[in-house]
Amino acid sequence: MFTALEEKEFNIVVDAIEEVKGVAGEIIIKEGDQGDCMYVLESGSLDCTKIFAGNKDPTHLKVY
């Protein structure tokens, strides 16, 4: 993802990285949230779900 960056640009990106640790059951991104950051999953897994119109329960879409 970062191979096209010059070393100076790459260092700027690395310096901007902030570690965030989640806990089981925590919602990381919810549909409609402001897209102001990017997440990289280092370990573990994330379930991707969506609540479709007319449903109360989320539908499982994918595991990351």
PDB file of N, CA and C in Angstrom:
ATOM      1  N   MET A   1       0.817  -1.181   0.000  1.00  0.00           N
ATOM      2  CA  MET A   1       0.000   0.000   0.000  1.00  0.00           C
ATOM      3  C   MET A   1       0.869   1.257   0.000  1.00  0.00           C
ATOM      4  N   PHE A   2       2.022   1.181   0.620  1.00  0.00           N
ATOM      5  CA  PHE A   2       2.859   2.372   0.742  1.00  0.00           C
ATOM      6  C   PHE A   2       4.114   2.320  -0.134  1.00  0.00           C
ATOM      7  N   THR A   3       4.219   1.348  -1.019  1.00  0.00           N
ATOM      8  CA  THR A   3       5.445   1.179  -1.805  1.00  0.00           C
ATOM      9  C   THR A   3       5.718   2.330  -2.766  1.00  0.00           C
ATOM     10  N   ALA A   4       4.697   3.069  -3.170  1.00  0.00           N
ATOM     11  CA  ALA A   4       4.896   4.179  -4.119  1.00  0.00           C
ATOM     12  C   ALA A   4       5.385   5.452  -3.431  1.00  0.00           C
ATOM     13  N   LEU A   5       5.425   5.461  -2.109  1.00  0.00           N
ATOM     14  CA  LEU A   5       5.829   6.664  -1.378  1.00  0.00           C
ATOM     15  C   LEU A   5       7.341   6.801  -1.328  1.00  0.00           C
ATOM     16  N   GLU A   6       7.787   8.043  -1.402  1.00  0.00           N
ATOM     17  CA  GLU A   6       9.204   8.350  -1.163  1.00  0.00           C
ATOM     18  C   GLU A   6       9.467   8.125   0.326  1.00  0.00           C
ATOM     19  N   GLU A   7      10.731   7.977   0.699  1.00  0.00           N
ATOM     20  CA  GLU A   7      11.077   7.699   2.096  1.00  0.00           C
ATOM     21  C   GLU A   7      10.537   8.798   3.028  1.00  0.00           C
ATOM     22  N   LYS A   8      10.662  10.053   2.636  1.00  0.00           N
ATOM     23  CA  LYS A   8      10.184  11.164   3.466  1.00  0.00           C
ATOM     24  C   LYS A   8       8.666  11.067   3.662  1.00  0.00           C
ATOM     25  N   GLU A   9       7.941  10.763   2.580  1.00  0.00           N
ATOM     26  CA  GLU A   9       6.484  10.625   2.656  1.00  0.00           C
ATOM     27  C   GLU A   9       6.099   9.440   3.538  1.00  0.00           C
ATOM     28  N   PHE A  10       6.830   8.335   3.367  1.00  0.00           N
ATOM     29  CA  PHE A  10       6.573   7.143   4.165  1.00  0.00           C
ATOM     30  C   PHE A  10       6.761   7.438   5.647  1.00  0.00           C
ATOM     31  N   ASN A  11       7.812   8.172   5.996  1.00  0.00           N
ATOM     32  CA  ASN A  11       8.072   8.518   7.399  1.00  0.00           C
ATOM     33  C   ASN A  11       6.956   9.390   7.973  1.00  0.00           C
ATOM     34  N   ILE A  12       6.389  10.263   7.156  1.00  0.00           N
ATOM     35  CA  ILE A  12       5.265  11.087   7.601  1.00  0.00           C
ATOM     36  C   ILE A  12       4.076  10.201   7.941  1.00  0.00           C
ATOM     37  N   VAL A  13       3.801   9.214   7.086  1.00  0.00           N
ATOM     38  CA  VAL A  13       2.688   8.294   7.329  1.00  0.00           C
ATOM     39  C   VAL A  13       2.938   7.491   8.599  1.00  0.00           C
ATOM     40  N   VAL A  14       4.128   6.946   8.747  1.00  0.00           N
ATOM     41  CA  VAL A  14       4.459   6.136   9.922  1.00  0.00           C
ATOM     42  C   VAL A  14       4.332   6.963  11.194  1.00  0.00           C
ATOM     43  N   ASP A  15       4.779   8.203  11.159  1.00  0.00           N
ATOM     44  CA  ASP A  15       4.684   9.067  12.338  1.00  0.00           C
ATOM     45  C   ASP A  15       3.238   9.388  12.706  1.00  0.00           C
ATOM     46  N   ALA A  16       2.339   9.309  11.738  1.00  0.00           N
ATOM     47  CA  ALA A  16       0.926   9.623  11.985  1.00  0.00           C
ATOM     48  C   ALA A  16       0.143   8.412  12.503  1.00  0.00           C
ATOM     49  N   ILE A  17       0.749   7.231  12.472  1.00  0.00           N
ATOM     50  CA  ILE A  17       0.055   6.016  12.905  1.00  0.00           C
ATOM     51  C   ILE A  17      -0.123   6.030  14.414  1.00  0.00           C
ATOM     52  N   GLU A  18      -1.320   5.675  14.828  1.00  0.00           N
ATOM     53  CA  GLU A  18      -1.656   5.624  16.249  1.00  0.00           C
ATOM     54  C   GLU A  18      -2.239   4.249  16.543  1.00  0.00           C
ATOM     55  N   GLU A  19      -1.678   3.558  17.510  1.00  0.00           N
ATOM     56  CA  GLU A  19      -2.166   2.225  17.862  1.00  0.00           C
ATOM     57  C   GLU A  19      -3.480   2.328  18.631  1.00  0.00           C
ATOM     58  N   VAL A  20      -4.439   1.531  18.216  1.00  0.00           N
ATOM     59  CA  VAL A  20      -5.730   1.457  18.881  1.00  0.00           C
ATOM     60  C   VAL A  20      -5.999  -0.013  19.167  1.00  0.00           C
ATOM     61  N   LYS A  21      -6.250  -0.345  20.422  1.00  0.00           N
ATOM     62  CA  LYS A  21      -6.547  -1.730  20.787  1.00  0.00           C
ATOM     63  C   LYS A  21      -8.035  -1.849  21.066  1.00  0.00           C
ATOM     64  N   GLY A  22      -8.657  -2.797  20.415  1.00  0.00           N
ATOM     65  CA  GLY A  22     -10.076  -3.034  20.635  1.00  0.00           C
ATOM     66  C   GLY A  22     -10.286  -4.210  21.574  1.00  0.00           C
ATOM     67  N   VAL A  23     -11.508  -4.338  22.025  1.00  0.00           N
ATOM     68  CA  VAL A  23     -11.870  -5.462  22.884  1.00  0.00           C
ATOM     69  C   VAL A  23     -13.011  -6.230  22.225  1.00  0.00           C
ATOM     70  N   ALA A  24     -13.155  -7.482  22.603  1.00  0.00           N
ATOM     71  CA  ALA A  24     -14.200  -8.328  22.030  1.00  0.00           C
ATOM     72  C   ALA A  24     -15.563  -7.662  22.160  1.00  0.00           C
ATOM     73  N   GLY A  25     -16.305  -7.647  21.063  1.00  0.00           N
ATOM     74  CA  GLY A  25     -17.650  -7.085  21.055  1.00  0.00           C
ATOM     75  C   GLY A  25     -17.711  -5.602  20.762  1.00  0.00           C
ATOM     76  N   GLU A  26     -16.564  -4.935  20.712  1.00  0.00           N
ATOM     77  CA  GLU A  26     -16.535  -3.494  20.450  1.00  0.00           C
ATOM     78  C   GLU A  26     -16.840  -3.206  18.982  1.00  0.00           C
ATOM     79  N   ILE A  27     -17.630  -2.172  18.726  1.00  0.00           N
ATOM     80  CA  ILE A  27     -17.904  -1.746  17.354  1.00  0.00           C
ATOM     81  C   ILE A  27     -16.785  -0.794  16.940  1.00  0.00           C
ATOM     82  N   ILE A  28     -16.082  -1.140  15.870  1.00  0.00           N
ATOM     83  CA  ILE A  28     -14.953  -0.338  15.394  1.00  0.00           C
ATOM     84  C   ILE A  28     -15.436   0.725  14.408  1.00  0.00           C
ATOM     85  N   ILE A  29     -16.205   0.310  13.424  1.00  0.00           N
ATOM     86  CA  ILE A  29     -16.753   1.219  12.417  1.00  0.00           C
ATOM     87  C   ILE A  29     -18.237   0.906  12.267  1.00  0.00           C
ATOM     88  N   LYS A  30     -19.050   1.948  12.283  1.00  0.00           N
ATOM     89  CA  LYS A  30     -20.489   1.783  12.106  1.00  0.00           C
ATOM     90  C   LYS A  30     -20.905   2.523  10.833  1.00  0.00           C
ATOM     91  N   GLU A  31     -21.773   1.920  10.059  1.00  0.00           N
ATOM     92  CA  GLU A  31     -22.248   2.553   8.834  1.00  0.00           C
ATOM     93  C   GLU A  31     -22.741   3.962   9.137  1.00  0.00           C
ATOM     94  N   GLY A  32     -22.297   4.906   8.333  1.00  0.00           N
ATOM     95  CA  GLY A  32     -22.676   6.295   8.523  1.00  0.00           C
ATOM     96  C   GLY A  32     -21.639   7.105   9.290  1.00  0.00           C
ATOM     97  N   ASP A  33     -20.643   6.432   9.914  1.00  0.00           N
ATOM     98  CA  ASP A  33     -19.581   7.152  10.623  1.00  0.00           C
ATOM     99  C   ASP A  33     -18.770   7.996   9.642  1.00  0.00           C
ATOM    100  N   GLN A  34     -18.227   9.102  10.141  1.00  0.00           N
ATOM    101  CA  GLN A  34     -17.334   9.948   9.355  1.00  0.00           C
ATOM    102  C   GLN A  34     -16.083   9.142   9.007  1.00  0.00           C
ATOM    103  N   GLY A  35     -15.682   9.133   7.755  1.00  0.00           N
ATOM    104  CA  GLY A  35     -14.491   8.385   7.332  1.00  0.00           C
ATOM    105  C   GLY A  35     -13.234   9.213   7.497  1.00  0.00           C
ATOM    106  N   ASP A  36     -12.771   9.365   8.728  1.00  0.00           N
ATOM    107  CA  ASP A  36     -11.637  10.247   8.983  1.00  0.00           C
ATOM    108  C   ASP A  36     -10.360   9.508   9.388  1.00  0.00           C
ATOM    109  N   CYS A  37     -10.362   8.179   9.283  1.00  0.00           N
ATOM    110  CA  CYS A  37      -9.161   7.429   9.613  1.00  0.00           C
ATOM    111  C   CYS A  37      -9.180   6.081   8.898  1.00  0.00           C
ATOM    112  N   MET A  38      -8.061   5.369   8.995  1.00  0.00           N
ATOM    113  CA  MET A  38      -7.934   4.053   8.383  1.00  0.00           C
ATOM    114  C   MET A  38      -7.471   3.087   9.462  1.00  0.00           C
ATOM    115  N   TYR A  39      -8.014   1.883   9.449  1.00  0.00           N
ATOM    116  CA  TYR A  39      -7.612   0.863  10.410  1.00  0.00           C
ATOM    117  C   TYR A  39      -6.850  -0.240   9.695  1.00  0.00           C
ATOM    118  N   VAL A  40      -5.809  -0.740  10.347  1.00  0.00           N
ATOM    119  CA  VAL A  40      -5.049  -1.892   9.870  1.00  0.00           C
ATOM    120  C   VAL A  40      -5.107  -2.929  10.980  1.00  0.00           C
ATOM    121  N   LEU A  41      -5.610  -4.101  10.663  1.00  0.00           N
ATOM    122  CA  LEU A  41      -5.755  -5.161  11.653  1.00  0.00           C
ATOM    123  C   LEU A  41      -4.440  -5.928  11.754  1.00  0.00           C
ATOM    124  N   GLU A  42      -3.810  -5.855  12.922  1.00  0.00           N
ATOM    125  CA  GLU A  42      -2.528  -6.537  13.128  1.00  0.00           C
ATOM    126  C   GLU A  42      -2.737  -7.991  13.533  1.00  0.00           C
ATOM    127  N   SER A  43      -3.705  -8.232  14.401  1.00  0.00           N
ATOM    128  CA  SER A  43      -3.982  -9.597  14.826  1.00  0.00           C
ATOM    129  C   SER A  43      -5.443  -9.700  15.239  1.00  0.00           C
ATOM    130  N   GLY A  44      -5.916 -10.920  15.335  1.00  0.00           N
ATOM    131  CA  GLY A  44      -7.307 -11.148  15.703  1.00  0.00           C
ATOM    132  C   GLY A  44      -8.205 -11.152  14.479  1.00  0.00           C
ATOM    133  N   SER A  45      -9.477 -10.931  14.692  1.00  0.00           N
ATOM    134  CA  SER A  45     -10.425 -10.917  13.578  1.00  0.00           C
ATOM    135  C   SER A  45     -11.545  -9.929  13.873  1.00  0.00           C
ATOM    136  N   LEU A  46     -12.181  -9.478  12.819  1.00  0.00           N
ATOM    137  CA  LEU A  46     -13.309  -8.559  12.926  1.00  0.00           C
ATOM    138  C   LEU A  46     -14.468  -9.128  12.129  1.00  0.00           C
ATOM    139  N   ASP A  47     -15.675  -9.069  12.698  1.00  0.00           N
ATOM    140  CA  ASP A  47     -16.880  -9.481  11.991  1.00  0.00           C
ATOM    141  C   ASP A  47     -17.502  -8.260  11.329  1.00  0.00           C
ATOM    142  N   CYS A  48     -17.837  -8.395  10.073  1.00  0.00           N
ATOM    143  CA  CYS A  48     -18.502  -7.330   9.328  1.00  0.00           C
ATOM    144  C   CYS A  48     -19.977  -7.693   9.219  1.00  0.00           C
ATOM    145  N   THR A  49     -20.846  -6.815   9.733  1.00  0.00           N
ATOM    146  CA  THR A  49     -22.285  -7.058   9.703  1.00  0.00           C
ATOM    147  C   THR A  49     -23.003  -5.822   9.174  1.00  0.00           C
ATOM    148  N   LYS A  50     -24.260  -6.008   8.789  1.00  0.00           N
ATOM    149  CA  LYS A  50     -25.082  -4.903   8.315  1.00  0.00           C
ATOM    150  C   LYS A  50     -26.517  -5.172   8.724  1.00  0.00           C
ATOM    151  N   ILE A  51     -27.191  -4.128   9.183  1.00  0.00           N
ATOM    152  CA  ILE A  51     -28.617  -4.249   9.470  1.00  0.00           C
ATOM    153  C   ILE A  51     -29.365  -3.736   8.245  1.00  0.00           C
ATOM    154  N   PHE A  52     -30.013  -4.642   7.553  1.00  0.00           N
ATOM    155  CA  PHE A  52     -30.751  -4.291   6.341  1.00  0.00           C
ATOM    156  C   PHE A  52     -32.136  -3.766   6.703  1.00  0.00           C
ATOM    157  N   ALA A  53     -32.678  -2.932   5.834  1.00  0.00           N
ATOM    158  CA  ALA A  53     -34.011  -2.354   6.048  1.00  0.00           C
ATOM    159  C   ALA A  53     -35.021  -3.465   6.332  1.00  0.00           C
ATOM    160  N   GLY A  54     -35.846  -3.250   7.332  1.00  0.00           N
ATOM    161  CA  GLY A  54     -36.869  -4.217   7.703  1.00  0.00           C
ATOM    162  C   GLY A  54     -36.402  -5.253   8.702  1.00  0.00           C
ATOM    163  N   ASN A  55     -35.109  -5.270   9.017  1.00  0.00           N
ATOM    164  CA  ASN A  55     -34.564  -6.224   9.988  1.00  0.00           C
ATOM    165  C   ASN A  55     -34.110  -5.494  11.241  1.00  0.00           C
ATOM    166  N   LYS A  56     -34.198  -6.162  12.376  1.00  0.00           N
ATOM    167  CA  LYS A  56     -33.694  -5.605  13.626  1.00  0.00           C
ATOM    168  C   LYS A  56     -32.315  -6.170  13.947  1.00  0.00           C
ATOM    169  N   ASP A  57     -32.063  -7.396  13.500  1.00  0.00           N
ATOM    170  CA  ASP A  57     -30.802  -8.053  13.799  1.00  0.00           C
ATOM    171  C   ASP A  57     -29.818  -7.881  12.636  1.00  0.00           C
ATOM    172  N   PRO A  58     -28.522  -7.760  12.955  1.00  0.00           N
ATOM    173  CA  PRO A  58     -27.534  -7.632  11.886  1.00  0.00           C
ATOM    174  C   PRO A  58     -27.348  -8.925  11.104  1.00  0.00           C
ATOM    175  N   THR A  59     -27.043  -8.776   9.821  1.00  0.00           N
ATOM    176  CA  THR A  59     -26.705  -9.899   8.946  1.00  0.00           C
ATOM    177  C   THR A  59     -25.190  -9.984   8.855  1.00  0.00           C
ATOM    178  N   HIS A  60     -24.619 -11.166   9.095  1.00  0.00           N
ATOM    179  CA  HIS A  60     -23.173 -11.351   9.011  1.00  0.00           C
ATOM    180  C   HIS A  60     -22.762 -11.344   7.547  1.00  0.00           C
ATOM    181  N   LEU A  61     -21.757 -10.525   7.187  1.00  0.00           N
ATOM    182  CA  LEU A  61     -21.306 -10.428   5.805  1.00  0.00           C
ATOM    183  C   LEU A  61     -19.934 -11.053   5.584  1.00  0.00           C
ATOM    184  N   LYS A  62     -18.994 -10.839   6.517  1.00  0.00           N
ATOM    185  CA  LYS A  62     -17.620 -11.267   6.282  1.00  0.00           C
ATOM    186  C   LYS A  62     -16.832 -11.236   7.587  1.00  0.00           C
ATOM    187  N   VAL A  63     -15.772 -12.043   7.658  1.00  0.00           N
ATOM    188  CA  VAL A  63     -14.814 -11.990   8.770  1.00  0.00           C
ATOM    189  C   VAL A  63     -13.504 -11.479   8.216  1.00  0.00           C
ATOM    190  N   TYR A  64     -12.958 -10.477   8.859  1.00  0.00           N
ATOM    191  CA  TYR A  64     -11.642  -9.945   8.477  1.00  0.00           C
ATOM    192  C   TYR A  64     -10.613 -10.435   9.465  1.00  0.00           C
TER     193      TYR A  64
END
